[in-house]
Amino acid sequence: MQPVTIYWRPMCGYCEQLKDALRARGVAFTAVDIWADRDRAEVVRAASGGDEIVPTVQVGDRFLVNPSVDEVEAALAAA
């Protein structure tokens, strides 16, 4: 299975909802706080056309900007 990384920031309700939904479906992931790790914020800017849109999810080499849990699972299935 491909690794899943969620780029998030504090106070982001969408981020918390996605993390909770993935946990409920048994999808393992690593969470990266882009406010605490500013170098990794560049990954989000590159994936989203220059903005720090969160959640941004990385599945292997693929990036999903503000995806649903279904989109994350589909990316995992396709990988």
PDB file of N, CA and C in Angstrom:
ATOM      1  N   MET A   1       0.845  -1.189   0.000  1.00  0.00           N
ATOM      2  CA  MET A   1       0.000   0.000   0.000  1.00  0.00           C
ATOM      3  C   MET A   1       0.885   1.244   0.000  1.00  0.00           C
ATOM      4  N   GLN A   2       0.488   2.231  -0.767  1.00  0.00           N
ATOM      5  CA  GLN A   2       1.227   3.487  -0.851  1.00  0.00           C
ATOM      6  C   GLN A   2       1.114   4.261   0.460  1.00  0.00           C
ATOM      7  N   PRO A   3       2.162   4.995   0.831  1.00  0.00           N
ATOM      8  CA  PRO A   3       2.054   5.833   2.026  1.00  0.00           C
ATOM      9  C   PRO A   3       1.114   7.012   1.779  1.00  0.00           C
ATOM     10  N   VAL A   4       0.400   7.393   2.829  1.00  0.00           N
ATOM     11  CA  VAL A   4      -0.526   8.523   2.762  1.00  0.00           C
ATOM     12  C   VAL A   4      -0.027   9.588   3.734  1.00  0.00           C
ATOM     13  N   THR A   5       0.132  10.806   3.229  1.00  0.00           N
ATOM     14  CA  THR A   5       0.534  11.932   4.063  1.00  0.00           C
ATOM     15  C   THR A   5      -0.524  13.019   3.938  1.00  0.00           C
ATOM     16  N   ILE A   6      -0.986  13.499   5.092  1.00  0.00           N
ATOM     17  CA  ILE A   6      -1.939  14.607   5.112  1.00  0.00           C
ATOM     18  C   ILE A   6      -1.197  15.849   5.588  1.00  0.00           C
ATOM     19  N   TYR A   7      -1.178  16.864   4.743  1.00  0.00           N
ATOM     20  CA  TYR A   7      -0.615  18.163   5.109  1.00  0.00           C
ATOM     21  C   TYR A   7      -1.779  18.988   5.645  1.00  0.00           C
ATOM     22  N   TRP A   8      -1.647  19.481   6.861  1.00  0.00           N
ATOM     23  CA  TRP A   8      -2.732  20.163   7.546  1.00  0.00           C
ATOM     24  C   TRP A   8      -2.174  21.343   8.339  1.00  0.00           C
ATOM     25  N   ARG A   9      -3.082  22.085   8.973  1.00  0.00           N
ATOM     26  CA  ARG A   9      -2.682  23.148   9.894  1.00  0.00           C
ATOM     27  C   ARG A   9      -3.712  23.223  11.011  1.00  0.00           C
ATOM     28  N   PRO A  10      -3.306  23.712  12.170  1.00  0.00           N
ATOM     29  CA  PRO A  10      -4.240  23.848  13.287  1.00  0.00           C
ATOM     30  C   PRO A  10      -5.423  24.749  12.922  1.00  0.00           C
ATOM     31  N   MET A  11      -6.545  24.470  13.539  1.00  0.00           N
ATOM     32  CA  MET A  11      -7.778  25.236  13.361  1.00  0.00           C
ATOM     33  C   MET A  11      -8.451  24.968  12.016  1.00  0.00           C
ATOM     34  N   CYS A  12      -8.023  23.939  11.302  1.00  0.00           N
ATOM     35  CA  CYS A  12      -8.631  23.581  10.017  1.00  0.00           C
ATOM     36  C   CYS A  12      -9.651  22.471  10.257  1.00  0.00           C
ATOM     37  N   GLY A  13     -10.917  22.836  10.229  1.00  0.00           N
ATOM     38  CA  GLY A  13     -11.977  21.860  10.447  1.00  0.00           C
ATOM     39  C   GLY A  13     -12.026  20.777   9.382  1.00  0.00           C
ATOM     40  N   TYR A  14     -11.768  21.156   8.119  1.00  0.00           N
ATOM     41  CA  TYR A  14     -11.765  20.166   7.048  1.00  0.00           C
ATOM     42  C   TYR A  14     -10.659  19.136   7.265  1.00  0.00           C
ATOM     43  N   CYS A  15      -9.527  19.597   7.763  1.00  0.00           N
ATOM     44  CA  CYS A  15      -8.408  18.688   8.032  1.00  0.00           C
ATOM     45  C   CYS A  15      -8.799  17.666   9.090  1.00  0.00           C
ATOM     46  N   GLU A  16      -9.409  18.133  10.164  1.00  0.00           N
ATOM     47  CA  GLU A  16      -9.804  17.235  11.251  1.00  0.00           C
ATOM     48  C   GLU A  16     -10.867  16.248  10.786  1.00  0.00           C
ATOM     49  N   GLN A  17     -11.813  16.713   9.984  1.00  0.00           N
ATOM     50  CA  GLN A  17     -12.848  15.822   9.465  1.00  0.00           C
ATOM     51  C   GLN A  17     -12.238  14.725   8.606  1.00  0.00           C
ATOM     52  N   LEU A  18     -11.303  15.093   7.744  1.00  0.00           N
ATOM     53  CA  LEU A  18     -10.682  14.106   6.868  1.00  0.00           C
ATOM     54  C   LEU A  18      -9.861  13.104   7.672  1.00  0.00           C
ATOM     55  N   LYS A  19      -9.086  13.588   8.635  1.00  0.00           N
ATOM     56  CA  LYS A  19      -8.294  12.676   9.457  1.00  0.00           C
ATOM     57  C   LYS A  19      -9.207  11.713  10.221  1.00  0.00           C
ATOM     58  N   ASP A  20     -10.287  12.216  10.783  1.00  0.00           N
ATOM     59  CA  ASP A  20     -11.229  11.361  11.512  1.00  0.00           C
ATOM     60  C   ASP A  20     -11.860  10.321  10.588  1.00  0.00           C
ATOM     61  N   ALA A  21     -12.248  10.742   9.390  1.00  0.00           N
ATOM     62  CA  ALA A  21     -12.880   9.821   8.439  1.00  0.00           C
ATOM     63  C   ALA A  21     -11.906   8.736   7.986  1.00  0.00           C
ATOM     64  N   LEU A  22     -10.658   9.110   7.763  1.00  0.00           N
ATOM     65  CA  LEU A  22      -9.662   8.111   7.368  1.00  0.00           C
ATOM     66  C   LEU A  22      -9.402   7.126   8.502  1.00  0.00           C
ATOM     67  N   ARG A  23      -9.298   7.630   9.722  1.00  0.00           N
ATOM     68  CA  ARG A  23      -9.123   6.731  10.875  1.00  0.00           C
ATOM     69  C   ARG A  23     -10.299   5.752  10.983  1.00  0.00           C
ATOM     70  N   ALA A  24     -11.513   6.264  10.794  1.00  0.00           N
ATOM     71  CA  ALA A  24     -12.708   5.427  10.901  1.00  0.00           C
ATOM     72  C   ALA A  24     -12.716   4.321   9.851  1.00  0.00           C
ATOM     73  N   ARG A  25     -12.099   4.585   8.710  1.00  0.00           N
ATOM     74  CA  ARG A  25     -12.048   3.577   7.642  1.00  0.00           C
ATOM     75  C   ARG A  25     -10.769   2.738   7.699  1.00  0.00           C
ATOM     76  N   GLY A  26      -9.958   2.974   8.707  1.00  0.00           N
ATOM     77  CA  GLY A  26      -8.756   2.167   8.879  1.00  0.00           C
ATOM     78  C   GLY A  26      -7.610   2.512   7.952  1.00  0.00           C
ATOM     79  N   VAL A  27      -7.613   3.732   7.422  1.00  0.00           N
ATOM     80  CA  VAL A  27      -6.540   4.161   6.524  1.00  0.00           C
ATOM     81  C   VAL A  27      -5.434   4.808   7.362  1.00  0.00           C
ATOM     82  N   ALA A  28      -4.254   4.217   7.319  1.00  0.00           N
ATOM     83  CA  ALA A  28      -3.111   4.767   8.055  1.00  0.00           C
ATOM     84  C   ALA A  28      -2.541   5.957   7.292  1.00  0.00           C
ATOM     85  N   PHE A  29      -2.097   6.955   8.039  1.00  0.00           N
ATOM     86  CA  PHE A  29      -1.516   8.140   7.410  1.00  0.00           C
ATOM     87  C   PHE A  29      -0.540   8.810   8.361  1.00  0.00           C
ATOM     88  N   THR A  30       0.294   9.644   7.775  1.00  0.00           N
ATOM     89  CA  THR A  30       1.181  10.521   8.525  1.00  0.00           C
ATOM     90  C   THR A  30       0.633  11.930   8.367  1.00  0.00           C
ATOM     91  N   ALA A  31       0.563  12.674   9.463  1.00  0.00           N
ATOM     92  CA  ALA A  31       0.057  14.048   9.423  1.00  0.00           C
ATOM     93  C   ALA A  31       1.219  15.019   9.595  1.00  0.00           C
ATOM     94  N   VAL A  32       1.276  16.024   8.722  1.00  0.00           N
ATOM     95  CA  VAL A  32       2.323  17.039   8.766  1.00  0.00           C
ATOM     96  C   VAL A  32       1.681  18.399   8.944  1.00  0.00           C
ATOM     97  N   ASP A  33       1.973  19.046  10.056  1.00  0.00           N
ATOM     98  CA  ASP A  33       1.481  20.398  10.345  1.00  0.00           C
ATOM     99  C   ASP A  33       2.364  21.385   9.585  1.00  0.00           C
ATOM    100  N   ILE A  34       1.804  22.022   8.553  1.00  0.00           N
ATOM    101  CA  ILE A  34       2.618  22.908   7.718  1.00  0.00           C
ATOM    102  C   ILE A  34       2.953  24.226   8.401  1.00  0.00           C
ATOM    103  N   TRP A  35       2.304  24.547   9.513  1.00  0.00           N
ATOM    104  CA  TRP A  35       2.708  25.727  10.276  1.00  0.00           C
ATOM    105  C   TRP A  35       3.916  25.416  11.135  1.00  0.00           C
ATOM    106  N   ALA A  36       4.016  24.193  11.604  1.00  0.00           N
ATOM    107  CA  ALA A  36       5.158  23.797  12.431  1.00  0.00           C
ATOM    108  C   ALA A  36       6.364  23.409  11.578  1.00  0.00           C
ATOM    109  N   ASP A  37       6.119  22.923  10.369  1.00  0.00           N
ATOM    110  CA  ASP A  37       7.187  22.471   9.473  1.00  0.00           C
ATOM    111  C   ASP A  37       7.104  23.279   8.186  1.00  0.00           C
ATOM    112  N   ARG A  38       7.665  24.473   8.209  1.00  0.00           N
ATOM    113  CA  ARG A  38       7.532  25.406   7.083  1.00  0.00           C
ATOM    114  C   ARG A  38       8.183  24.889   5.803  1.00  0.00           C
ATOM    115  N   ASP A  39       9.208  24.041   5.923  1.00  0.00           N
ATOM    116  CA  ASP A  39       9.803  23.471   4.717  1.00  0.00           C
ATOM    117  C   ASP A  39       8.798  22.591   3.973  1.00  0.00           C
ATOM    118  N   ARG A  40       7.979  21.879   4.729  1.00  0.00           N
ATOM    119  CA  ARG A  40       6.990  20.999   4.100  1.00  0.00           C
ATOM    120  C   ARG A  40       5.816  21.810   3.540  1.00  0.00           C
ATOM    121  N   ALA A  41       5.633  23.040   3.996  1.00  0.00           N
ATOM    122  CA  ALA A  41       4.587  23.893   3.432  1.00  0.00           C
ATOM    123  C   ALA A  41       4.853  24.148   1.951  1.00  0.00           C
ATOM    124  N   GLU A  42       6.112  24.132   1.565  1.00  0.00           N
ATOM    125  CA  GLU A  42       6.470  24.316   0.153  1.00  0.00           C
ATOM    126  C   GLU A  42       5.899  23.181  -0.706  1.00  0.00           C
ATOM    127  N   VAL A  43       5.823  21.989  -0.158  1.00  0.00           N
ATOM    128  CA  VAL A  43       5.236  20.857  -0.873  1.00  0.00           C
ATOM    129  C   VAL A  43       3.775  21.162  -1.197  1.00  0.00           C
ATOM    130  N   VAL A  44       3.063  21.726  -0.249  1.00  0.00           N
ATOM    131  CA  VAL A  44       1.653  22.075  -0.446  1.00  0.00           C
ATOM    132  C   VAL A  44       1.527  23.185  -1.485  1.00  0.00           C
ATOM    133  N   ARG A  45       2.369  24.190  -1.391  1.00  0.00           N
ATOM    134  CA  ARG A  45       2.305  25.280  -2.378  1.00  0.00           C
ATOM    135  C   ARG A  45       2.568  24.753  -3.788  1.00  0.00           C
ATOM    136  N   ALA A  46       3.513  23.848  -3.928  1.00  0.00           N
ATOM    137  CA  ALA A  46       3.816  23.279  -5.246  1.00  0.00           C
ATOM    138  C   ALA A  46       2.643  22.450  -5.770  1.00  0.00           C
ATOM    139  N   ALA A  47       1.974  21.732  -4.883  1.00  0.00           N
ATOM    140  CA  ALA A  47       0.861  20.871  -5.298  1.00  0.00           C
ATOM    141  C   ALA A  47      -0.402  21.657  -5.625  1.00  0.00           C
ATOM    142  N   SER A  48      -0.554  22.839  -5.025  1.00  0.00           N
ATOM    143  CA  SER A  48      -1.807  23.582  -5.175  1.00  0.00           C
ATOM    144  C   SER A  48      -1.673  24.862  -5.995  1.00  0.00           C
ATOM    145  N   GLY A  49      -0.595  25.001  -6.713  1.00  0.00           N
ATOM    146  CA  GLY A  49      -0.446  26.172  -7.575  1.00  0.00           C
ATOM    147  C   GLY A  49      -0.021  27.427  -6.836  1.00  0.00           C
ATOM    148  N   GLY A  50       0.653  27.267  -5.701  1.00  0.00           N
ATOM    149  CA  GLY A  50       1.205  28.412  -4.987  1.00  0.00           C
ATOM    150  C   GLY A  50       0.512  28.764  -3.687  1.00  0.00           C
ATOM    151  N   ASP A  51      -0.614  28.134  -3.405  1.00  0.00           N
ATOM    152  CA  ASP A  51      -1.353  28.418  -2.184  1.00  0.00           C
ATOM    153  C   ASP A  51      -1.101  27.337  -1.132  1.00  0.00           C
ATOM    154  N   GLU A  52      -1.385  27.660   0.108  1.00  0.00           N
ATOM    155  CA  GLU A  52      -1.264  26.677   1.191  1.00  0.00           C
ATOM    156  C   GLU A  52      -2.650  26.130   1.518  1.00  0.00           C
ATOM    157  N   ILE A  53      -3.231  25.424   0.552  1.00  0.00           N
ATOM    158  CA  ILE A  53      -4.566  24.862   0.722  1.00  0.00           C
ATOM    159  C   ILE A  53      -4.443  23.544   1.481  1.00  0.00           C
ATOM    160  N   VAL A  54      -5.182  23.461   2.570  1.00  0.00           N
ATOM    161  CA  VAL A  54      -5.204  22.234   3.356  1.00  0.00           C
ATOM    162  C   VAL A  54      -6.643  21.800   3.571  1.00  0.00           C
ATOM    163  N   PRO A  55      -6.879  20.509   3.687  1.00  0.00           N
ATOM    164  CA  PRO A  55      -5.874  19.473   3.629  1.00  0.00           C
ATOM    165  C   PRO A  55      -5.419  19.200   2.194  1.00  0.00           C
ATOM    166  N   THR A  56      -4.143  18.961   2.064  1.00  0.00           N
ATOM    167  CA  THR A  56      -3.577  18.416   0.843  1.00  0.00           C
ATOM    168  C   THR A  56      -3.057  17.040   1.222  1.00  0.00           C
ATOM    169  N   VAL A  57      -3.380  16.051   0.407  1.00  0.00           N
ATOM    170  CA  VAL A  57      -3.022  14.672   0.717  1.00  0.00           C
ATOM    171  C   VAL A  57      -2.102  14.133  -0.369  1.00  0.00           C
ATOM    172  N   GLN A  58      -1.046  13.480   0.070  1.00  0.00           N
ATOM    173  CA  GLN A  58      -0.124  12.826  -0.842  1.00  0.00           C
ATOM    174  C   GLN A  58      -0.302  11.315  -0.714  1.00  0.00           C
ATOM    175  N   VAL A  59      -0.593  10.682  -1.834  1.00  0.00           N
ATOM    176  CA  VAL A  59      -0.681   9.220  -1.897  1.00  0.00           C
ATOM    177  C   VAL A  59       0.393   8.778  -2.871  1.00  0.00           C
ATOM    178  N   GLY A  60       1.485   8.239  -2.341  1.00  0.00           N
ATOM    179  CA  GLY A  60       2.623   7.925  -3.201  1.00  0.00           C
ATOM    180  C   GLY A  60       3.151   9.212  -3.814  1.00  0.00           C
ATOM    181  N   ASP A  61       3.143   9.292  -5.138  1.00  0.00           N
ATOM    182  CA  ASP A  61       3.614  10.493  -5.843  1.00  0.00           C
ATOM    183  C   ASP A  61       2.477  11.420  -6.255  1.00  0.00           C
ATOM    184  N   ARG A  62       1.245  11.053  -5.949  1.00  0.00           N
ATOM    185  CA  ARG A  62       0.075  11.835  -6.364  1.00  0.00           C
ATOM    186  C   ARG A  62      -0.387  12.758  -5.241  1.00  0.00           C
ATOM    187  N   PHE A  63      -0.812  13.964  -5.609  1.00  0.00           N
ATOM    188  CA  PHE A  63      -1.309  14.943  -4.645  1.00  0.00           C
ATOM    189  C   PHE A  63      -2.783  15.228  -4.909  1.00  0.00           C
ATOM    190  N   LEU A  64      -3.550  15.305  -3.817  1.00  0.00           N
ATOM    191  CA  LEU A  64      -4.973  15.627  -3.875  1.00  0.00           C
ATOM    192  C   LEU A  64      -5.195  16.853  -2.995  1.00  0.00           C
ATOM    193  N   VAL A  65      -5.785  17.889  -3.556  1.00  0.00           N
ATOM    194  CA  VAL A  65      -6.016  19.122  -2.817  1.00  0.00           C
ATOM    195  C   VAL A  65      -7.457  19.141  -2.327  1.00  0.00           C
ATOM    196  N   ASN A  66      -7.614  19.214  -0.994  1.00  0.00           N
ATOM    197  CA  ASN A  66      -8.914  19.231  -0.334  1.00  0.00           C
ATOM    198  C   ASN A  66      -9.808  18.070  -0.783  1.00  0.00           C
ATOM    199  N   PRO A  67      -9.291  16.839  -0.688  1.00  0.00           N
ATOM    200  CA  PRO A  67     -10.069  15.694  -1.171  1.00  0.00           C
ATOM    201  C   PRO A  67     -11.069  15.194  -0.143  1.00  0.00           C
ATOM    202  N   SER A  68     -12.011  14.413  -0.632  1.00  0.00           N
ATOM    203  CA  SER A  68     -12.920  13.682   0.257  1.00  0.00           C
ATOM    204  C   SER A  68     -12.221  12.380   0.661  1.00  0.00           C
ATOM    205  N   VAL A  69     -12.765  11.722   1.658  1.00  0.00           N
ATOM    206  CA  VAL A  69     -12.205  10.431   2.068  1.00  0.00           C
ATOM    207  C   VAL A  69     -12.338   9.424   0.923  1.00  0.00           C
ATOM    208  N   ASP A  70     -13.416   9.502   0.157  1.00  0.00           N
ATOM    209  CA  ASP A  70     -13.595   8.598  -0.981  1.00  0.00           C
ATOM    210  C   ASP A  70     -12.520   8.819  -2.042  1.00  0.00           C
ATOM    211  N   GLU A  71     -12.150  10.074  -2.267  1.00  0.00           N
ATOM    212  CA  GLU A  71     -11.105  10.370  -3.255  1.00  0.00           C
ATOM    213  C   GLU A  71      -9.752   9.826  -2.790  1.00  0.00           C
ATOM    214  N   VAL A  72      -9.490   9.911  -1.505  1.00  0.00           N
ATOM    215  CA  VAL A  72      -8.235   9.368  -0.969  1.00  0.00           C
ATOM    216  C   VAL A  72      -8.219   7.845  -1.140  1.00  0.00           C
ATOM    217  N   GLU A  73      -9.321   7.197  -0.807  1.00  0.00           N
ATOM    218  CA  GLU A  73      -9.388   5.747  -0.962  1.00  0.00           C
ATOM    219  C   GLU A  73      -9.282   5.338  -2.430  1.00  0.00           C
ATOM    220  N   ALA A  74      -9.867   6.110  -3.344  1.00  0.00           N
ATOM    221  CA  ALA A  74      -9.755   5.808  -4.767  1.00  0.00           C
ATOM    222  C   ALA A  74      -8.316   5.940  -5.235  1.00  0.00           C
ATOM    223  N   ALA A  75      -7.611   6.955  -4.746  1.00  0.00           N
ATOM    224  CA  ALA A  75      -6.206   7.122  -5.106  1.00  0.00           C
ATOM    225  C   ALA A  75      -5.373   5.956  -4.584  1.00  0.00           C
ATOM    226  N   LEU A  76      -5.693   5.490  -3.389  1.00  0.00           N
ATOM    227  CA  LEU A  76      -5.000   4.325  -2.830  1.00  0.00           C
ATOM    228  C   LEU A  76      -5.258   3.087  -3.669  1.00  0.00           C
ATOM    229  N   ALA A  77      -6.503   2.891  -4.087  1.00  0.00           N
ATOM    230  CA  ALA A  77      -6.860   1.727  -4.886  1.00  0.00           C
ATOM    231  C   ALA A  77      -6.179   1.758  -6.255  1.00  0.00           C
ATOM    232  N   ALA A  78      -6.018   2.962  -6.803  1.00  0.00           N
ATOM    233  CA  ALA A  78      -5.399   3.102  -8.117  1.00  0.00           C
ATOM    234  C   ALA A  78      -3.891   2.970  -8.081  1.00  0.00           C
ATOM    235  N   ALA A  79      -3.307   3.155  -6.897  1.00  0.00           N
ATOM    236  CA  ALA A  79      -1.838   3.139  -6.786  1.00  0.00           C
ATOM    237  C   ALA A  79      -1.295   1.723  -6.852  1.00  0.00           C
TER     238      ALA A  79
END
